[in-house]
Protein backbone atom coordinates (compact mmCIF):
# COMPACT_ATOMS: atom_id res chain seq x y z
CA MET A 1 0.00 0.00 0.00
CA THR A 2 1.09 3.54 -0.59
CA ASN A 3 2.01 5.66 2.38
CA VAL A 4 0.19 8.74 1.09
CA GLU A 5 -3.52 9.23 1.65
CA THR A 6 -5.69 10.44 -1.18
CA THR A 7 -6.24 14.16 -0.82
CA THR A 8 -7.38 15.25 -4.29
CA ALA A 9 -9.91 13.97 -6.77
CA VAL A 10 -8.60 11.76 -9.52
CA THR A 11 -8.47 13.33 -12.99
CA TRP A 12 -7.93 12.04 -16.51
CA ARG A 13 -4.37 13.39 -16.30
CA ASP A 14 -3.60 10.90 -13.53
CA TYR A 15 -4.70 8.02 -15.73
CA LEU A 16 -2.71 9.46 -18.62
CA GLU A 17 0.39 9.67 -16.42
CA LEU A 18 -0.05 6.00 -15.54
CA CYS A 19 0.58 5.24 -19.21
CA LYS A 20 3.97 7.05 -19.30
CA PRO A 21 2.88 9.03 -22.39
CA ASN A 22 6.36 10.31 -23.27
CA VAL A 23 7.77 6.78 -23.34
CA VAL A 24 4.79 5.44 -25.28
CA ALA A 25 5.07 8.31 -27.78
CA LEU A 26 8.68 7.33 -28.56
CA MET A 27 7.60 3.70 -28.91
CA ILE A 28 4.81 4.65 -31.33
CA LEU A 29 7.24 6.76 -33.36
CA THR A 30 9.47 3.73 -33.89
CA SER A 31 6.40 1.56 -34.55
CA ILE A 32 5.17 3.94 -37.28
CA ILE A 33 8.60 4.01 -38.86
CA GLY A 34 8.69 0.20 -38.72
CA MET A 35 5.40 0.19 -40.63
CA LEU A 36 6.65 2.63 -43.24
CA LEU A 37 9.89 0.70 -43.75
CA ALA A 38 8.04 -2.60 -44.13
CA SER A 39 6.51 -1.75 -47.49
CA ASN A 40 7.07 0.27 -50.62
CA GLN A 41 3.34 0.86 -50.85
CA ALA A 42 1.09 3.22 -48.90
CA ILE A 43 0.17 1.82 -45.49
CA PRO A 44 -3.56 1.06 -45.14
CA MET A 45 -5.16 3.59 -42.79
CA GLN A 46 -6.76 0.80 -40.79
CA VAL A 47 -3.35 -0.68 -39.99
CA LEU A 48 -1.73 2.70 -39.37
CA ILE A 49 -4.43 3.91 -36.98
CA PHE A 50 -5.62 0.76 -35.24
CA GLY A 51 -2.24 -0.95 -35.23
CA ASN A 52 -0.59 1.91 -33.39
CA LEU A 53 -3.61 2.45 -31.15
CA GLY A 54 -3.52 -1.18 -30.07
CA ILE A 55 0.22 -1.09 -29.47
CA ALA A 56 -0.11 2.18 -27.51
CA LEU A 57 -2.90 0.81 -25.30
CA CYS A 58 -0.93 -2.34 -24.49
CA ALA A 59 2.19 -0.28 -23.76
CA GLY A 60 0.15 2.04 -21.54
CA SER A 61 -1.25 -0.98 -19.70
CA ALA A 62 2.26 -2.31 -19.06
CA ALA A 63 3.35 1.13 -17.85
CA ALA A 64 0.41 1.21 -15.43
CA VAL A 65 1.52 -2.14 -13.99
CA ASN A 66 4.97 -0.61 -13.50
CA HIS A 67 3.38 2.22 -11.48
CA ILE A 68 1.46 -0.29 -9.36
CA VAL A 69 4.45 -2.51 -8.61
CA ASP A 70 6.81 0.41 -7.90
CA ARG A 71 4.39 2.45 -5.78
CA ASN A 72 6.32 1.76 -2.57
CA VAL A 73 9.62 3.02 -3.97
CA ASP A 74 8.44 5.80 -6.28
CA ASP A 75 8.04 8.29 -3.43
CA LYS A 76 11.71 7.79 -2.53
CA MET A 77 12.92 9.14 -5.88
CA ALA A 78 12.56 12.72 -7.12
CA ARG A 79 11.95 11.51 -10.68
CA THR A 80 8.93 9.43 -9.67
CA ALA A 81 7.72 10.97 -6.41
CA ASP A 82 4.81 12.80 -8.04
CA ARG A 83 3.36 9.74 -9.74
CA PRO A 84 -0.40 9.41 -9.12
CA ILE A 85 -0.27 6.22 -7.04
CA ALA A 86 2.79 7.30 -5.06
CA GLN A 87 0.98 10.53 -4.16
CA GLY A 88 -2.28 8.77 -3.40
CA ARG A 89 -4.25 10.46 -6.17
CA LEU A 90 -5.04 7.00 -7.55
CA ASP A 91 -5.78 3.86 -5.58
CA PRO A 92 -3.85 0.74 -6.69
CA THR A 93 -7.17 -1.03 -7.31
CA GLN A 94 -8.25 1.72 -9.69
CA ALA A 95 -4.91 1.43 -11.48
CA LYS A 96 -5.25 -2.36 -11.77
CA ILE A 97 -8.71 -2.04 -13.34
CA PHE A 98 -7.37 0.61 -15.73
CA ALA A 99 -4.34 -1.52 -16.69
CA MET A 100 -6.53 -4.55 -17.34
CA ALA A 101 -9.09 -2.57 -19.36
CA THR A 102 -6.50 -0.82 -21.56
CA GLY A 103 -4.53 -4.02 -22.09
CA LEU A 104 -7.61 -6.01 -23.13
CA ALA A 105 -8.79 -3.18 -25.38
CA GLY A 106 -5.37 -3.00 -27.05
CA MET A 107 -5.29 -6.75 -27.67
CA ALA A 108 -8.84 -6.75 -29.04
CA ILE A 109 -8.04 -3.91 -31.45
CA LEU A 110 -4.91 -5.67 -32.71
CA ILE A 111 -6.68 -9.01 -33.20
CA VAL A 112 -9.73 -7.53 -34.94
CA PHE A 113 -8.18 -4.74 -37.01
CA THR A 114 -4.54 -5.79 -37.53
CA ASN A 115 -3.41 -9.42 -37.24
CA VAL A 116 -2.98 -12.10 -34.61
CA LEU A 117 0.82 -12.25 -34.84
CA THR A 118 1.10 -8.55 -34.01
CA ALA A 119 -1.25 -9.07 -31.06
CA TRP A 120 0.78 -11.96 -29.63
CA LEU A 121 4.11 -10.18 -30.09
CA THR A 122 2.67 -7.07 -28.42
CA LEU A 123 1.41 -9.19 -25.54
CA ALA A 124 4.83 -10.80 -25.16
CA SER A 125 6.48 -7.37 -25.11
CA SER A 126 4.01 -6.05 -22.53
CA VAL A 127 4.41 -9.08 -20.29
CA GLY A 128 8.18 -8.80 -20.61
CA TYR A 129 8.17 -5.21 -19.38
CA ALA A 130 5.32 -5.28 -16.87
CA PHE A 131 6.09 -8.57 -15.18
CA ILE A 132 9.48 -10.05 -16.11
CA TYR A 133 11.36 -6.73 -15.91
CA THR A 134 9.32 -4.74 -13.37
CA MET A 135 8.47 -7.54 -10.94
CA PHE A 136 11.66 -9.60 -11.16
CA LEU A 137 14.66 -8.35 -13.14
CA LYS A 138 14.58 -4.77 -11.85
CA ARG A 139 15.20 -5.92 -8.31
CA ALA A 140 17.19 -9.07 -9.04
CA THR A 141 20.25 -8.05 -11.09
CA PRO A 142 22.25 -4.97 -12.11
CA GLN A 143 21.90 -6.27 -15.68
CA ASN A 144 18.16 -5.64 -15.39
CA ILE A 145 18.02 -2.98 -18.09
CA VAL A 146 20.08 -5.08 -20.52
CA ILE A 147 17.87 -8.16 -20.26
CA GLY A 148 14.63 -6.26 -19.87
CA GLY A 149 15.50 -3.89 -22.69
CA LEU A 150 14.33 -6.44 -25.25
CA ALA A 151 10.69 -5.65 -24.39
CA GLY A 152 11.23 -1.95 -25.04
CA ALA A 153 12.99 -2.71 -28.33
CA ALA A 154 9.98 -4.43 -29.88
CA PRO A 155 7.88 -1.52 -31.35
CA PRO A 156 9.54 -1.33 -34.82
CA LEU A 157 9.07 -5.09 -35.15
CA LEU A 158 5.43 -4.74 -34.06
CA GLY A 159 4.87 -2.03 -36.65
CA TRP A 160 6.55 -4.11 -39.36
CA VAL A 161 4.50 -7.21 -38.54
CA ALA A 162 1.29 -5.16 -38.40
CA VAL A 163 1.83 -4.34 -42.10
CA THR A 164 3.30 -7.60 -43.42
CA GLY A 165 1.99 -10.25 -41.03
CA GLU A 166 5.44 -11.82 -40.80
CA ILE A 167 8.76 -11.41 -38.98
CA HIS A 168 11.53 -10.19 -41.29
CA HIS A 169 15.28 -10.03 -40.62
CA ASN A 170 15.31 -6.31 -41.39
CA ALA A 171 12.75 -5.72 -38.64
CA LEU A 172 14.94 -7.71 -36.25
CA LEU A 173 17.86 -5.39 -37.10
CA LEU A 174 15.73 -2.46 -35.91
CA VAL A 175 15.05 -4.33 -32.67
CA LEU A 176 18.76 -5.01 -32.26
CA ILE A 177 19.57 -1.30 -32.62
CA ILE A 178 17.16 -0.28 -29.86
CA PHE A 179 18.32 -3.21 -27.72
CA ALA A 180 21.94 -1.97 -27.93
CA TRP A 181 20.86 1.66 -27.43
CA THR A 182 18.92 1.01 -24.20
CA PRO A 183 21.81 0.34 -21.75
CA PRO A 184 23.88 3.49 -22.45
CA HIS A 185 20.66 5.50 -22.62
CA PHE A 186 19.37 4.32 -19.25
CA TRP A 187 22.69 3.99 -17.41
CA ALA A 188 23.39 7.66 -18.10
CA LEU A 189 20.19 8.44 -16.18
CA ALA A 190 21.03 5.85 -13.52
CA ILE A 191 24.36 7.55 -12.78
CA HIS A 192 22.59 10.87 -12.36
CA ARG A 193 20.00 9.21 -10.05
CA LYS A 194 22.43 6.85 -8.32
CA GLU A 195 21.63 7.97 -4.76
CA GLU A 196 17.90 7.69 -5.36
CA TYR A 197 18.19 4.15 -6.72
CA ALA A 198 20.34 3.22 -3.73
CA LYS A 199 17.74 4.68 -1.36
CA ALA A 200 15.01 2.71 -3.11
CA ASP A 201 17.15 -0.46 -2.94
CA ILE A 202 17.10 -0.92 -6.72
CA PRO A 203 20.34 -2.64 -7.88
CA MET A 204 21.12 -0.45 -10.86
CA LEU A 205 24.65 -0.85 -12.18
CA PRO A 206 26.04 2.43 -10.70
CA VAL A 207 24.75 1.35 -7.28
CA THR A 208 26.16 -2.18 -7.32
CA HIS A 209 29.39 -1.66 -9.29
CA GLY A 210 30.09 2.07 -9.03
CA GLU A 211 30.16 4.93 -11.51
CA ARG A 212 33.53 4.12 -13.09
CA TYR A 213 32.45 0.59 -14.04
CA THR A 214 29.14 1.91 -15.38
CA LYS A 215 30.89 4.53 -17.50
CA ILE A 216 33.13 1.84 -19.00
CA ASN A 217 30.02 -0.12 -19.92
CA ILE A 218 28.38 2.97 -21.43
CA LEU A 219 31.46 3.48 -23.60
CA LEU A 220 31.55 -0.15 -24.70
CA TYR A 221 27.83 -0.30 -25.47
CA THR A 222 28.03 2.97 -27.40
CA ILE A 223 30.85 1.56 -29.55
CA MET A 224 28.83 -1.64 -30.03
CA LEU A 225 25.81 0.48 -31.00
CA MET A 226 27.89 2.27 -33.65
CA VAL A 227 28.88 -1.10 -35.12
CA ILE A 228 25.33 -2.47 -35.04
CA THR A 229 23.89 0.60 -36.73
CA THR A 230 26.08 -0.09 -39.78
CA LEU A 231 24.43 -3.50 -40.31
CA PRO A 232 21.34 -2.15 -42.12
CA TYR A 233 23.69 -0.56 -44.66
CA LEU A 234 25.80 -3.70 -45.00
CA THR A 235 22.71 -5.84 -45.61
CA GLY A 236 21.44 -3.42 -48.27
CA MET A 237 18.46 -2.24 -46.24
CA PHE A 238 19.64 1.39 -46.43
CA GLY A 239 22.07 3.42 -48.47
CA LEU A 240 24.83 6.00 -48.02
CA LEU A 241 22.58 8.69 -46.55
CA TYR A 242 21.76 6.42 -43.64
CA LEU A 243 25.33 5.18 -43.25
CA VAL A 244 26.88 8.66 -43.06
CA GLY A 245 24.13 9.96 -40.80
CA SER A 246 24.29 7.00 -38.44
CA LEU A 247 28.09 7.27 -38.13
CA LEU A 248 27.87 10.99 -37.36
CA LEU A 249 25.15 10.39 -34.78
CA GLY A 250 27.16 7.55 -33.28
CA ALA A 251 30.25 9.74 -33.06
CA ARG A 252 28.22 12.35 -31.20
CA PHE A 253 26.86 9.71 -28.82
CA LEU A 254 30.41 8.49 -28.25
CA TYR A 255 31.46 12.09 -27.53
CA TRP A 256 28.88 12.32 -24.74
CA ALA A 257 29.94 8.93 -23.39
CA ILE A 258 33.53 10.23 -23.19
CA VAL A 259 32.37 13.49 -21.62
CA MET A 260 30.67 11.45 -18.90
CA TRP A 261 34.01 9.88 -18.08
CA PHE A 262 35.45 13.24 -17.09
CA ASP A 263 32.33 15.06 -15.92
CA LYS A 264 30.16 13.25 -13.38
CA ASP A 265 27.39 15.84 -13.79
CA SER A 266 26.85 15.22 -17.52
CA GLY A 267 24.63 12.17 -17.08
CA MET A 268 21.37 13.97 -17.84
CA LYS A 269 22.86 15.66 -20.91
CA THR A 270 23.93 12.27 -22.23
CA PHE A 271 20.53 10.82 -21.39
CA ARG A 272 18.70 13.61 -23.23
CA PHE A 273 20.98 13.33 -26.26
CA SER A 274 20.36 9.58 -26.41
CA ILE A 275 16.64 10.27 -26.95
CA VAL A 276 17.41 12.76 -29.72
CA TYR A 277 19.86 10.23 -31.18
CA LEU A 278 17.22 7.52 -31.52
CA MET A 279 14.60 9.86 -32.99
CA VAL A 280 17.01 11.28 -35.59
CA LEU A 281 18.41 7.83 -36.42
CA PHE A 282 14.96 6.47 -37.23
CA ALA A 283 14.11 9.62 -39.17
CA LEU A 284 17.26 9.00 -41.23
CA MET A 285 16.07 5.48 -41.93
CA LEU A 286 12.82 6.85 -43.26
CA CYS A 287 14.52 9.49 -45.43
CA ASP A 288 16.93 6.94 -46.86
CA HIS A 289 14.14 4.44 -47.52
CA TYR A 290 12.10 6.90 -49.55
CA LEU A 291 15.19 8.30 -51.30
CA ILE A 292 16.08 4.81 -52.53
CA GLU A 293 12.50 4.29 -53.72
CA LYS A 294 12.54 7.61 -55.56
CA LEU A 295 15.85 6.73 -57.27
CA HIS A 296 14.31 3.47 -58.47
CA TYR A 297 11.77 5.45 -60.45
CA ILE A 298 14.34 7.74 -62.10
């Protein structure tokens, strides 16, 4: 139970906050790009609208479960202290009903309006984040974000499958990119919030192994990310525009990883850049994809 009594009436904004809208928005961006990359034809509006709506609802449901499970530690961290359950604006039972309703609605939309494979993959991703990561991995190992990051890497695959109905190796490359991006992205934040994670007894890598070890891992994962992001070019998925852009973005990410080594207060700057990095990288994919298609018609 939360330690804070309810003092204000619940509003729609509290339910929206349960869904982690900023996180879900980034997921839907990569899902839409996955859809657009999956075909050379226009995406059917039914798939574009209902596919992303279903994915968003399931992601929001998983995020709500995260709020419920973490309600006893959220008020110990400045980043999460104002969450609706931690502050008592929402009762955990209300949040459970909301999570169940949104999750079932998302699955129903995907099954009826998209395809069954997308629905099952979305369910697997949601279960991976809401239960395997949040309930077990997060508190069990400092490698929690590495193992659990696979669930958060799924949206471009979900978008791709929503259009094609099948799993393609190019879609798996997109998953691999986000999977490699997640540790340096999140560990930069974890270094900045190290004391709060320690207070909440969450074994994030900076807490269990120290900042120096975490920074080494951020550097190594960033280098690995730079290598992985060249694979779509090497497999012929994208062309030179993507390759040059991805290398420049990777070099900038590496710059921030090096800056973190010398400046302990640069964690949030690195974290914020990592979000920009992913958005611009996927935008580059889209630009390159349509450039190649345009050249085919010349």
